[in-house]
């Protein structure tokens, strides 16, 4: 579980730093006046939305990977082979004839 938390923290740090840099650039690029302040607020809110969206995507992806890893490690090799055989039979493809 520690590995996943490190990955989430690293992703959040990278995304947050990029969003803050973008917001800082946007605030510095705007002039003064009501329209410029409105544009800066719009850009900052877009950056916040981007951070939240990408962070939720990262958390979802890491959770998915952890679930797949846990499922794969919970099956013995014979169980994996049996599941594969069932999937091949269900696909309807003819089985190859062994050389003999």
PDB file of N, CA and C in Angstrom:
ATOM      1  N   UNK A   1       0.820  -1.191   0.000  1.00  0.00           N
ATOM      2  CA  UNK A   1       0.000   0.000   0.000  1.00  0.00           C
ATOM      3  C   UNK A   1       0.863   1.254   0.000  1.00  0.00           C
ATOM      4  N   UNK A   2       2.053   1.201   0.593  1.00  0.00           N
ATOM      5  CA  UNK A   2       2.938   2.352   0.645  1.00  0.00           C
ATOM      6  C   UNK A   2       3.376   2.804  -0.734  1.00  0.00           C
ATOM      7  N   UNK A   3       3.565   1.848  -1.623  1.00  0.00           N
ATOM      8  CA  UNK A   3       3.974   2.168  -2.992  1.00  0.00           C
ATOM      9  C   UNK A   3       2.906   3.014  -3.686  1.00  0.00           C
ATOM     10  N   UNK A   4       1.650   2.686  -3.461  1.00  0.00           N
ATOM     11  CA  UNK A   4       0.567   3.425  -4.106  1.00  0.00           C
ATOM     12  C   UNK A   4       0.452   4.835  -3.539  1.00  0.00           C
ATOM     13  N   UNK A   5       0.652   4.969  -2.239  1.00  0.00           N
ATOM     14  CA  UNK A   5       0.593   6.302  -1.624  1.00  0.00           C
ATOM     15  C   UNK A   5       1.725   7.183  -2.130  1.00  0.00           C
ATOM     16  N   UNK A   6       2.903   6.604  -2.333  1.00  0.00           N
ATOM     17  CA  UNK A   6       4.021   7.374  -2.886  1.00  0.00           C
ATOM     18  C   UNK A   6       3.704   7.826  -4.309  1.00  0.00           C
ATOM     19  N   UNK A   7       3.081   6.943  -5.081  1.00  0.00           N
ATOM     20  CA  UNK A   7       2.706   7.298  -6.455  1.00  0.00           C
ATOM     21  C   UNK A   7       1.663   8.399  -6.484  1.00  0.00           C
ATOM     22  N   UNK A   8       0.689   8.320  -5.595  1.00  0.00           N
ATOM     23  CA  UNK A   8      -0.346   9.351  -5.528  1.00  0.00           C
ATOM     24  C   UNK A   8       0.271  10.679  -5.107  1.00  0.00           C
ATOM     25  N   UNK A   9       1.139  10.645  -4.106  1.00  0.00           N
ATOM     26  CA  UNK A   9       1.779  11.876  -3.634  1.00  0.00           C
ATOM     27  C   UNK A   9       2.639  12.498  -4.736  1.00  0.00           C
ATOM     28  N   UNK A  10       3.378  11.677  -5.459  1.00  0.00           N
ATOM     29  CA  UNK A  10       4.225  12.197  -6.537  1.00  0.00           C
ATOM     30  C   UNK A  10       3.378  12.800  -7.652  1.00  0.00           C
ATOM     31  N   UNK A  11       2.308  12.115  -8.038  1.00  0.00           N
ATOM     32  CA  UNK A  11       1.431  12.635  -9.089  1.00  0.00           C
ATOM     33  C   UNK A  11       0.771  13.931  -8.655  1.00  0.00           C
ATOM     34  N   UNK A  12       0.304  13.999  -7.415  1.00  0.00           N
ATOM     35  CA  UNK A  12      -0.336  15.213  -6.915  1.00  0.00           C
ATOM     36  C   UNK A  12       0.655  16.372  -6.869  1.00  0.00           C
ATOM     37  N   UNK A  13       1.894  16.085  -6.464  1.00  0.00           N
ATOM     38  CA  UNK A  13       2.906  17.139  -6.399  1.00  0.00           C
ATOM     39  C   UNK A  13       3.232  17.681  -7.781  1.00  0.00           C
ATOM     40  N   UNK A  14       3.376  16.807  -8.753  1.00  0.00           N
ATOM     41  CA  UNK A  14       3.695  17.242 -10.114  1.00  0.00           C
ATOM     42  C   UNK A  14       2.537  18.039 -10.710  1.00  0.00           C
ATOM     43  N   UNK A  15       1.336  17.515 -10.581  1.00  0.00           N
ATOM     44  CA  UNK A  15       0.170  18.189 -11.145  1.00  0.00           C
ATOM     45  C   UNK A  15      -0.067  19.520 -10.445  1.00  0.00           C
ATOM     46  N   UNK A  16       0.037  19.530  -9.119  1.00  0.00           N
ATOM     47  CA  UNK A  16      -0.171  20.766  -8.372  1.00  0.00           C
ATOM     48  C   UNK A  16       0.858  21.829  -8.707  1.00  0.00           C
ATOM     49  N   UNK A  17       2.126  21.434  -8.832  1.00  0.00           N
ATOM     50  CA  UNK A  17       3.175  22.384  -9.187  1.00  0.00           C
ATOM     51  C   UNK A  17       2.943  22.964 -10.577  1.00  0.00           C
ATOM     52  N   UNK A  18       2.570  22.114 -11.522  1.00  0.00           N
ATOM     53  CA  UNK A  18       2.305  22.597 -12.877  1.00  0.00           C
ATOM     54  C   UNK A  18       1.108  23.547 -12.897  1.00  0.00           C
ATOM     55  N   UNK A  19       0.055  23.216 -12.153  1.00  0.00           N
ATOM     56  CA  UNK A  19      -1.128  24.067 -12.124  1.00  0.00           C
ATOM     57  C   UNK A  19      -0.822  25.407 -11.468  1.00  0.00           C
ATOM     58  N   UNK A  20      -0.041  25.388 -10.376  1.00  0.00           N
ATOM     59  CA  UNK A  20       0.313  26.643  -9.725  1.00  0.00           C
ATOM     60  C   UNK A  20       1.213  27.500 -10.611  1.00  0.00           C
ATOM     61  N   UNK A  21       2.126  26.877 -11.318  1.00  0.00           N
ATOM     62  CA  UNK A  21       2.984  27.625 -12.239  1.00  0.00           C
ATOM     63  C   UNK A  21       2.151  28.257 -13.351  1.00  0.00           C
ATOM     64  N   UNK A  22       1.203  27.501 -13.868  1.00  0.00           N
ATOM     65  CA  UNK A  22       0.332  28.022 -14.927  1.00  0.00           C
ATOM     66  C   UNK A  22      -0.523  29.170 -14.411  1.00  0.00           C
ATOM     67  N   UNK A  23      -1.080  29.002 -13.187  1.00  0.00           N
ATOM     68  CA  UNK A  23      -1.905  30.058 -12.597  1.00  0.00           C
ATOM     69  C   UNK A  23      -1.062  31.302 -12.326  1.00  0.00           C
ATOM     70  N   UNK A  24       0.157  31.110 -11.830  1.00  0.00           N
ATOM     71  CA  UNK A  24       1.045  32.260 -11.605  1.00  0.00           C
ATOM     72  C   UNK A  24       1.376  32.978 -12.893  1.00  0.00           C
ATOM     73  N   UNK A  25       1.647  32.220 -13.936  1.00  0.00           N
ATOM     74  CA  UNK A  25       1.920  32.834 -15.236  1.00  0.00           C
ATOM     75  C   UNK A  25       0.691  33.603 -15.732  1.00  0.00           C
ATOM     76  N   UNK A  26      -0.494  33.006 -15.556  1.00  0.00           N
ATOM     77  CA  UNK A  26      -1.725  33.650 -16.008  1.00  0.00           C
ATOM     78  C   UNK A  26      -1.977  34.940 -15.243  1.00  0.00           C
ATOM     79  N   UNK A  27      -1.734  34.927 -13.945  1.00  0.00           N
ATOM     80  CA  UNK A  27      -1.932  36.148 -13.153  1.00  0.00           C
ATOM     81  C   UNK A  27      -0.910  37.211 -13.528  1.00  0.00           C
ATOM     82  N   UNK A  28       0.311  36.803 -13.792  1.00  0.00           N
ATOM     83  CA  UNK A  28       1.339  37.761 -14.185  1.00  0.00           C
ATOM     84  C   UNK A  28       1.118  38.313 -15.584  1.00  0.00           C
ATOM     85  N   UNK A  29       0.513  37.541 -16.453  1.00  0.00           N
ATOM     86  CA  UNK A  29       0.297  37.959 -17.835  1.00  0.00           C
ATOM     87  C   UNK A  29      -0.879  38.915 -17.978  1.00  0.00           C
ATOM     88  N   UNK A  30      -1.780  38.917 -17.008  1.00  0.00           N
ATOM     89  CA  UNK A  30      -2.938  39.802 -17.098  1.00  0.00           C
ATOM     90  C   UNK A  30      -2.580  41.171 -16.563  1.00  0.00           C
ATOM     91  N   UNK A  31      -3.225  42.143 -17.093  1.00  0.00           N
ATOM     92  CA  UNK A  31      -3.006  43.520 -16.647  1.00  0.00           C
ATOM     93  C   UNK A  31      -3.921  43.855 -15.494  1.00  0.00           C
ATOM     94  N   UNK A  32      -4.264  45.116 -15.406  1.00  0.00           N
ATOM     95  CA  UNK A  32      -5.184  45.558 -14.359  1.00  0.00           C
ATOM     96  C   UNK A  32      -6.541  45.835 -14.993  1.00  0.00           C
ATOM     97  N   UNK A  33      -7.555  45.932 -14.175  1.00  0.00           N
ATOM     98  CA  UNK A  33      -8.892  46.192 -14.670  1.00  0.00           C
ATOM     99  C   UNK A  33      -9.800  45.013 -14.404  1.00  0.00           C
ATOM    100  N   UNK A  34     -11.101  45.284 -14.471  1.00  0.00           N
ATOM    101  CA  UNK A  34     -12.100  44.266 -14.129  1.00  0.00           C
ATOM    102  C   UNK A  34     -12.038  43.081 -15.093  1.00  0.00           C
ATOM    103  N   UNK A  35     -11.873  43.330 -16.373  1.00  0.00           N
ATOM    104  CA  UNK A  35     -11.849  42.237 -17.353  1.00  0.00           C
ATOM    105  C   UNK A  35     -10.623  41.356 -17.158  1.00  0.00           C
ATOM    106  N   UNK A  36      -9.476  41.957 -16.860  1.00  0.00           N
ATOM    107  CA  UNK A  36      -8.259  41.181 -16.642  1.00  0.00           C
ATOM    108  C   UNK A  36      -8.367  40.329 -15.385  1.00  0.00           C
ATOM    109  N   UNK A  37      -8.945  40.886 -14.319  1.00  0.00           N
ATOM    110  CA  UNK A  37      -9.119  40.121 -13.085  1.00  0.00           C
ATOM    111  C   UNK A  37     -10.078  38.964 -13.330  1.00  0.00           C
ATOM    112  N   UNK A  38     -11.132  39.209 -14.099  1.00  0.00           N
ATOM    113  CA  UNK A  38     -12.089  38.147 -14.428  1.00  0.00           C
ATOM    114  C   UNK A  38     -11.395  37.034 -15.205  1.00  0.00           C
ATOM    115  N   UNK A  39     -10.553  37.385 -16.146  1.00  0.00           N
ATOM    116  CA  UNK A  39      -9.820  36.375 -16.913  1.00  0.00           C
ATOM    117  C   UNK A  39      -8.877  35.578 -16.012  1.00  0.00           C
ATOM    118  N   UNK A  40      -8.208  36.257 -15.085  1.00  0.00           N
ATOM    119  CA  UNK A  40      -7.288  35.578 -14.176  1.00  0.00           C
ATOM    120  C   UNK A  40      -8.044  34.614 -13.277  1.00  0.00           C
ATOM    121  N   UNK A  41      -9.203  35.033 -12.762  1.00  0.00           N
ATOM    122  CA  UNK A  41     -10.008  34.150 -11.914  1.00  0.00           C
ATOM    123  C   UNK A  41     -10.466  32.937 -12.707  1.00  0.00           C
ATOM    124  N   UNK A  42     -10.849  33.141 -13.957  1.00  0.00           N
ATOM    125  CA  UNK A  42     -11.253  32.017 -14.809  1.00  0.00           C
ATOM    126  C   UNK A  42     -10.102  31.041 -15.021  1.00  0.00           C
ATOM    127  N   UNK A  43      -8.925  31.548 -15.243  1.00  0.00           N
ATOM    128  CA  UNK A  43      -7.765  30.673 -15.456  1.00  0.00           C
ATOM    129  C   UNK A  43      -7.399  29.912 -14.181  1.00  0.00           C
ATOM    130  N   UNK A  44      -7.463  30.579 -13.041  1.00  0.00           N
ATOM    131  CA  UNK A  44      -7.140  29.905 -11.783  1.00  0.00           C
ATOM    132  C   UNK A  44      -8.174  28.823 -11.491  1.00  0.00           C
ATOM    133  N   UNK A  45      -9.457  29.118 -11.713  1.00  0.00           N
ATOM    134  CA  UNK A  45     -10.481  28.089 -11.469  1.00  0.00           C
ATOM    135  C   UNK A  45     -10.330  26.926 -12.445  1.00  0.00           C
ATOM    136  N   UNK A  46      -9.899  27.203 -13.666  1.00  0.00           N
ATOM    137  CA  UNK A  46      -9.633  26.111 -14.606  1.00  0.00           C
ATOM    138  C   UNK A  46      -8.455  25.266 -14.128  1.00  0.00           C
ATOM    139  N   UNK A  47      -7.427  25.907 -13.566  1.00  0.00           N
ATOM    140  CA  UNK A  47      -6.277  25.174 -13.043  1.00  0.00           C
ATOM    141  C   UNK A  47      -6.684  24.294 -11.863  1.00  0.00           C
ATOM    142  N   UNK A  48      -7.531  24.822 -10.983  1.00  0.00           N
ATOM    143  CA  UNK A  48      -8.007  24.031  -9.845  1.00  0.00           C
ATOM    144  C   UNK A  48      -8.811  22.831 -10.346  1.00  0.00           C
ATOM    145  N   UNK A  49      -9.679  23.050 -11.326  1.00  0.00           N
ATOM    146  CA  UNK A  49     -10.451  21.943 -11.899  1.00  0.00           C
ATOM    147  C   UNK A  49      -9.564  20.895 -12.539  1.00  0.00           C
ATOM    148  N   UNK A  50      -8.514  21.353 -13.205  1.00  0.00           N
ATOM    149  CA  UNK A  50      -7.567  20.428 -13.826  1.00  0.00           C
ATOM    150  C   UNK A  50      -6.853  19.586 -12.770  1.00  0.00           C
ATOM    151  N   UNK A  51      -6.432  20.212 -11.690  1.00  0.00           N
ATOM    152  CA  UNK A  51      -5.746  19.483 -10.621  1.00  0.00           C
ATOM    153  C   UNK A  51      -6.663  18.437 -10.006  1.00  0.00           C
ATOM    154  N   UNK A  52      -7.889  18.839  -9.696  1.00  0.00           N
ATOM    155  CA  UNK A  52      -8.835  17.903  -9.079  1.00  0.00           C
ATOM    156  C   UNK A  52      -9.150  16.749 -10.028  1.00  0.00           C
ATOM    157  N   UNK A  53      -9.381  17.051 -11.300  1.00  0.00           N
ATOM    158  CA  UNK A  53      -9.698  16.007 -12.279  1.00  0.00           C
ATOM    159  C   UNK A  53      -8.556  15.029 -12.475  1.00  0.00           C
ATOM    160  N   UNK A  54      -7.343  15.542 -12.625  1.00  0.00           N
ATOM    161  CA  UNK A  54      -6.201  14.656 -12.840  1.00  0.00           C
ATOM    162  C   UNK A  54      -5.845  13.869 -11.579  1.00  0.00           C
ATOM    163  N   UNK A  55      -6.033  14.485 -10.413  1.00  0.00           N
ATOM    164  CA  UNK A  55      -5.774  13.751  -9.175  1.00  0.00           C
ATOM    165  C   UNK A  55      -6.767  12.603  -9.010  1.00  0.00           C
ATOM    166  N   UNK A  56      -8.038  12.845  -9.330  1.00  0.00           N
ATOM    167  CA  UNK A  56      -9.021  11.760  -9.224  1.00  0.00           C
ATOM    168  C   UNK A  56      -8.744  10.666 -10.248  1.00  0.00           C
ATOM    169  N   UNK A  57      -8.278  11.052 -11.419  1.00  0.00           N
ATOM    170  CA  UNK A  57      -7.899  10.057 -12.426  1.00  0.00           C
ATOM    171  C   UNK A  57      -6.725   9.212 -11.928  1.00  0.00           C
ATOM    172  N   UNK A  58      -5.731   9.853 -11.316  1.00  0.00           N
ATOM    173  CA  UNK A  58      -4.565   9.124 -10.806  1.00  0.00           C
ATOM    174  C   UNK A  58      -4.966   8.162  -9.699  1.00  0.00           C
ATOM    175  N   UNK A  59      -5.831   8.615  -8.791  1.00  0.00           N
ATOM    176  CA  UNK A  59      -6.270   7.748  -7.697  1.00  0.00           C
ATOM    177  C   UNK A  59      -7.054   6.558  -8.246  1.00  0.00           C
ATOM    178  N   UNK A  60      -7.923   6.808  -9.215  1.00  0.00           N
ATOM    179  CA  UNK A  60      -8.700   5.722  -9.813  1.00  0.00           C
ATOM    180  C   UNK A  60      -7.794   4.710 -10.506  1.00  0.00           C
ATOM    181  N   UNK A  61      -6.820   5.188 -11.254  1.00  0.00           N
ATOM    182  CA  UNK A  61      -5.911   4.308 -11.980  1.00  0.00           C
ATOM    183  C   UNK A  61      -5.079   3.461 -11.013  1.00  0.00           C
ATOM    184  N   UNK A  62      -4.569   4.097  -9.949  1.00  0.00           N
ATOM    185  CA  UNK A  62      -3.771   3.341  -8.985  1.00  0.00           C
ATOM    186  C   UNK A  62      -4.624   2.312  -8.248  1.00  0.00           C
ATOM    187  N   UNK A  63      -5.866   2.646  -7.958  1.00  0.00           N
ATOM    188  CA  UNK A  63      -6.772   1.683  -7.333  1.00  0.00           C
ATOM    189  C   UNK A  63      -7.067   0.514  -8.251  1.00  0.00           C
ATOM    190  N   UNK A  64      -7.253   0.804  -9.528  1.00  0.00           N
ATOM    191  CA  UNK A  64      -7.503  -0.253 -10.513  1.00  0.00           C
ATOM    192  C   UNK A  64      -6.301  -1.190 -10.601  1.00  0.00           C
ATOM    193  N   UNK A  65      -5.105  -0.608 -10.672  1.00  0.00           N
ATOM    194  CA  UNK A  65      -3.902  -1.434 -10.760  1.00  0.00           C
ATOM    195  C   UNK A  65      -3.720  -2.296  -9.516  1.00  0.00           C
ATOM    196  N   UNK A  66      -3.998  -1.728  -8.357  1.00  0.00           N
ATOM    197  CA  UNK A  66      -3.861  -2.487  -7.111  1.00  0.00           C
ATOM    198  C   UNK A  66      -4.852  -3.638  -7.076  1.00  0.00           C
ATOM    199  N   UNK A  67      -6.065  -3.400  -7.553  1.00  0.00           N
ATOM    200  CA  UNK A  67      -7.076  -4.461  -7.582  1.00  0.00           C
ATOM    201  C   UNK A  67      -6.668  -5.570  -8.539  1.00  0.00           C
ATOM    202  N   UNK A  68      -6.141  -5.223  -9.691  1.00  0.00           N
ATOM    203  CA  UNK A  68      -5.695  -6.231 -10.659  1.00  0.00           C
ATOM    204  C   UNK A  68      -4.538  -7.034 -10.087  1.00  0.00           C
ATOM    205  N   UNK A  69      -3.597  -6.355  -9.439  1.00  0.00           N
ATOM    206  CA  UNK A  69      -2.456  -7.042  -8.857  1.00  0.00           C
ATOM    207  C   UNK A  69      -2.894  -8.004  -7.758  1.00  0.00           C
ATOM    208  N   UNK A  70      -3.826  -7.555  -6.918  1.00  0.00           N
ATOM    209  CA  UNK A  70      -4.323  -8.392  -5.828  1.00  0.00           C
ATOM    210  C   UNK A  70      -5.060  -9.601  -6.388  1.00  0.00           C
ATOM    211  N   UNK A  71      -5.856  -9.404  -7.434  1.00  0.00           N
ATOM    212  CA  UNK A  71      -6.586 -10.524  -8.036  1.00  0.00           C
ATOM    213  C   UNK A  71      -5.611 -11.520  -8.658  1.00  0.00           C
ATOM    214  N   UNK A  72      -4.607 -11.020  -9.355  1.00  0.00           N
ATOM    215  CA  UNK A  72      -3.650 -11.910 -10.019  1.00  0.00           C
ATOM    216  C   UNK A  72      -2.818 -12.681  -9.001  1.00  0.00           C
ATOM    217  N   UNK A  73      -2.456 -12.039  -7.910  1.00  0.00           N
ATOM    218  CA  UNK A  73      -1.636 -12.747  -6.932  1.00  0.00           C
ATOM    219  C   UNK A  73      -2.465 -13.720  -6.095  1.00  0.00           C
ATOM    220  N   UNK A  74      -3.791 -13.552  -6.092  1.00  0.00           N
ATOM    221  CA  UNK A  74      -4.647 -14.440  -5.315  1.00  0.00           C
ATOM    222  C   UNK A  74      -4.983 -15.736  -6.037  1.00  0.00           C
ATOM    223  N   UNK A  75      -4.723 -15.822  -7.337  1.00  0.00           N
ATOM    224  CA  UNK A  75      -5.026 -17.026  -8.101  1.00  0.00           C
ATOM    225  C   UNK A  75      -3.799 -17.926  -8.205  1.00  0.00           C
ATOM    226  N   UNK A  76      -3.959 -19.197  -7.945  1.00  0.00           N
ATOM    227  CA  UNK A  76      -2.851 -20.108  -8.212  1.00  0.00           C
ATOM    228  C   UNK A  76      -2.712 -20.307  -9.726  1.00  0.00           C
ATOM    229  N   UNK A  77      -1.575 -20.807 -10.141  1.00  0.00           N
ATOM    230  CA  UNK A  77      -1.312 -20.977 -11.568  1.00  0.00           C
ATOM    231  C   UNK A  77      -2.363 -21.866 -12.224  1.00  0.00           C
ATOM    232  N   UNK A  78      -2.805 -22.900 -11.543  1.00  0.00           N
ATOM    233  CA  UNK A  78      -3.822 -23.794 -12.116  1.00  0.00           C
ATOM    234  C   UNK A  78      -5.122 -23.037 -12.353  1.00  0.00           C
ATOM    235  N   UNK A  79      -5.479 -22.122 -11.467  1.00  0.00           N
ATOM    236  CA  UNK A  79      -6.688 -21.325 -11.643  1.00  0.00           C
ATOM    237  C   UNK A  79      -6.597 -20.403 -12.855  1.00  0.00           C
ATOM    238  N   UNK A  80      -5.415 -19.826 -13.071  1.00  0.00           N
ATOM    239  CA  UNK A  80      -5.208 -18.956 -14.232  1.00  0.00           C
ATOM    240  C   UNK A  80      -5.338 -19.761 -15.518  1.00  0.00           C
ATOM    241  N   UNK A  81      -4.750 -20.947 -15.542  1.00  0.00           N
ATOM    242  CA  UNK A  81      -4.825 -21.812 -16.725  1.00  0.00           C
ATOM    243  C   UNK A  81      -6.277 -22.211 -16.990  1.00  0.00           C
ATOM    244  N   UNK A  82      -7.012 -22.547 -15.945  1.00  0.00           N
ATOM    245  CA  UNK A  82      -8.418 -22.920 -16.111  1.00  0.00           C
ATOM    246  C   UNK A  82      -9.241 -21.757 -16.653  1.00  0.00           C
ATOM    247  N   UNK A  83      -9.023 -20.554 -16.130  1.00  0.00           N
ATOM    248  CA  UNK A  83      -9.747 -19.383 -16.631  1.00  0.00           C
ATOM    249  C   UNK A  83      -9.417 -19.113 -18.092  1.00  0.00           C
ATOM    250  N   UNK A  84      -8.145 -19.294 -18.451  1.00  0.00           N
ATOM    251  CA  UNK A  84      -7.740 -19.089 -19.838  1.00  0.00           C
ATOM    252  C   UNK A  84      -8.394 -20.116 -20.751  1.00  0.00           C
ATOM    253  N   UNK A  85      -8.467 -21.363 -20.319  1.00  0.00           N
ATOM    254  CA  UNK A  85      -9.097 -22.411 -21.124  1.00  0.00           C
ATOM    255  C   UNK A  85     -10.580 -22.119 -21.327  1.00  0.00           C
ATOM    256  N   UNK A  86     -11.241 -21.663 -20.291  1.00  0.00           N
ATOM    257  CA  UNK A  86     -12.665 -21.313 -20.417  1.00  0.00           C
ATOM    258  C   UNK A  86     -12.839 -20.160 -21.402  1.00  0.00           C
ATOM    259  N   UNK A  87     -11.964 -19.163 -21.335  1.00  0.00           N
ATOM    260  CA  UNK A  87     -12.061 -18.020 -22.246  1.00  0.00           C
ATOM    261  C   UNK A  87     -11.830 -18.443 -23.691  1.00  0.00           C
ATOM    262  N   UNK A  88     -10.871 -19.355 -23.913  1.00  0.00           N
ATOM    263  CA  UNK A  88     -10.593 -19.832 -25.271  1.00  0.00           C
ATOM    264  C   UNK A  88     -11.780 -20.625 -25.804  1.00  0.00           C
ATOM    265  N   UNK A  89     -12.356 -21.474 -24.973  1.00  0.00           N
ATOM    266  CA  UNK A  89     -13.525 -22.243 -25.413  1.00  0.00           C
ATOM    267  C   UNK A  89     -14.706 -21.332 -25.714  1.00  0.00           C
ATOM    268  N   UNK A  90     -14.868 -20.307 -24.920  1.00  0.00           N
ATOM    269  CA  UNK A  90     -15.987 -19.386 -25.113  1.00  0.00           C
ATOM    270  C   UNK A  90     -15.821 -18.542 -26.371  1.00  0.00           C
ATOM    271  N   UNK A  91     -14.592 -18.392 -26.843  1.00  0.00           N
ATOM    272  CA  UNK A  91     -14.371 -17.570 -28.034  1.00  0.00           C
ATOM    273  C   UNK A  91     -14.850 -18.264 -29.300  1.00  0.00           C
ATOM    274  N   UNK A  92     -15.024 -19.586 -29.257  1.00  0.00           N
ATOM    275  CA  UNK A  92     -15.562 -20.317 -30.405  1.00  0.00           C
ATOM    276  C   UNK A  92     -14.540 -20.650 -31.464  1.00  0.00           C
ATOM    277  N   UNK A  93     -13.294 -20.367 -31.228  1.00  0.00           N
ATOM    278  CA  UNK A  93     -12.266 -20.669 -32.222  1.00  0.00           C
ATOM    279  C   UNK A  93     -11.889 -22.142 -32.131  1.00  0.00           C
ATOM    280  N   UNK A  94     -11.597 -22.772 -33.256  1.00  0.00           N
ATOM    281  CA  UNK A  94     -11.195 -24.176 -33.209  1.00  0.00           C
ATOM    282  C   UNK A  94      -9.811 -24.307 -32.554  1.00  0.00           C
ATOM    283  N   UNK A  95      -9.657 -25.385 -31.815  1.00  0.00           N
ATOM    284  CA  UNK A  95      -8.388 -25.643 -31.160  1.00  0.00           C
ATOM    285  C   UNK A  95      -7.413 -26.267 -32.162  1.00  0.00           C
ATOM    286  N   UNK A  96      -6.127 -25.897 -32.077  1.00  0.00           N
ATOM    287  CA  UNK A  96      -5.155 -26.508 -32.991  1.00  0.00           C
ATOM    288  C   UNK A  96      -4.947 -27.980 -32.658  1.00  0.00           C
ATOM    289  N   UNK A  97      -4.696 -28.736 -33.703  1.00  0.00           N
ATOM    290  CA  UNK A  97      -4.438 -30.168 -33.534  1.00  0.00           C
ATOM    291  C   UNK A  97      -2.943 -30.342 -33.289  1.00  0.00           C
ATOM    292  N   UNK A  98      -2.575 -31.014 -32.191  1.00  0.00           N
ATOM    293  CA  UNK A  98      -1.140 -31.191 -31.932  1.00  0.00           C
ATOM    294  C   UNK A  98      -0.522 -32.134 -32.956  1.00  0.00           C
ATOM    295  N   UNK A  99       0.758 -31.855 -33.261  1.00  0.00           N
ATOM    296  CA  UNK A  99       1.506 -32.726 -34.166  1.00  0.00           C
ATOM    297  C   UNK A  99       1.843 -34.021 -33.435  1.00  0.00           C
ATOM    298  N   UNK A 100       1.678 -35.077 -34.084  1.00  0.00           N
ATOM    299  CA  UNK A 100       2.003 -36.289 -33.360  1.00  0.00           C
ATOM    300  C   UNK A 100       2.208 -37.396 -34.248  1.00  0.00           C
TER     301      UNK A 100
END
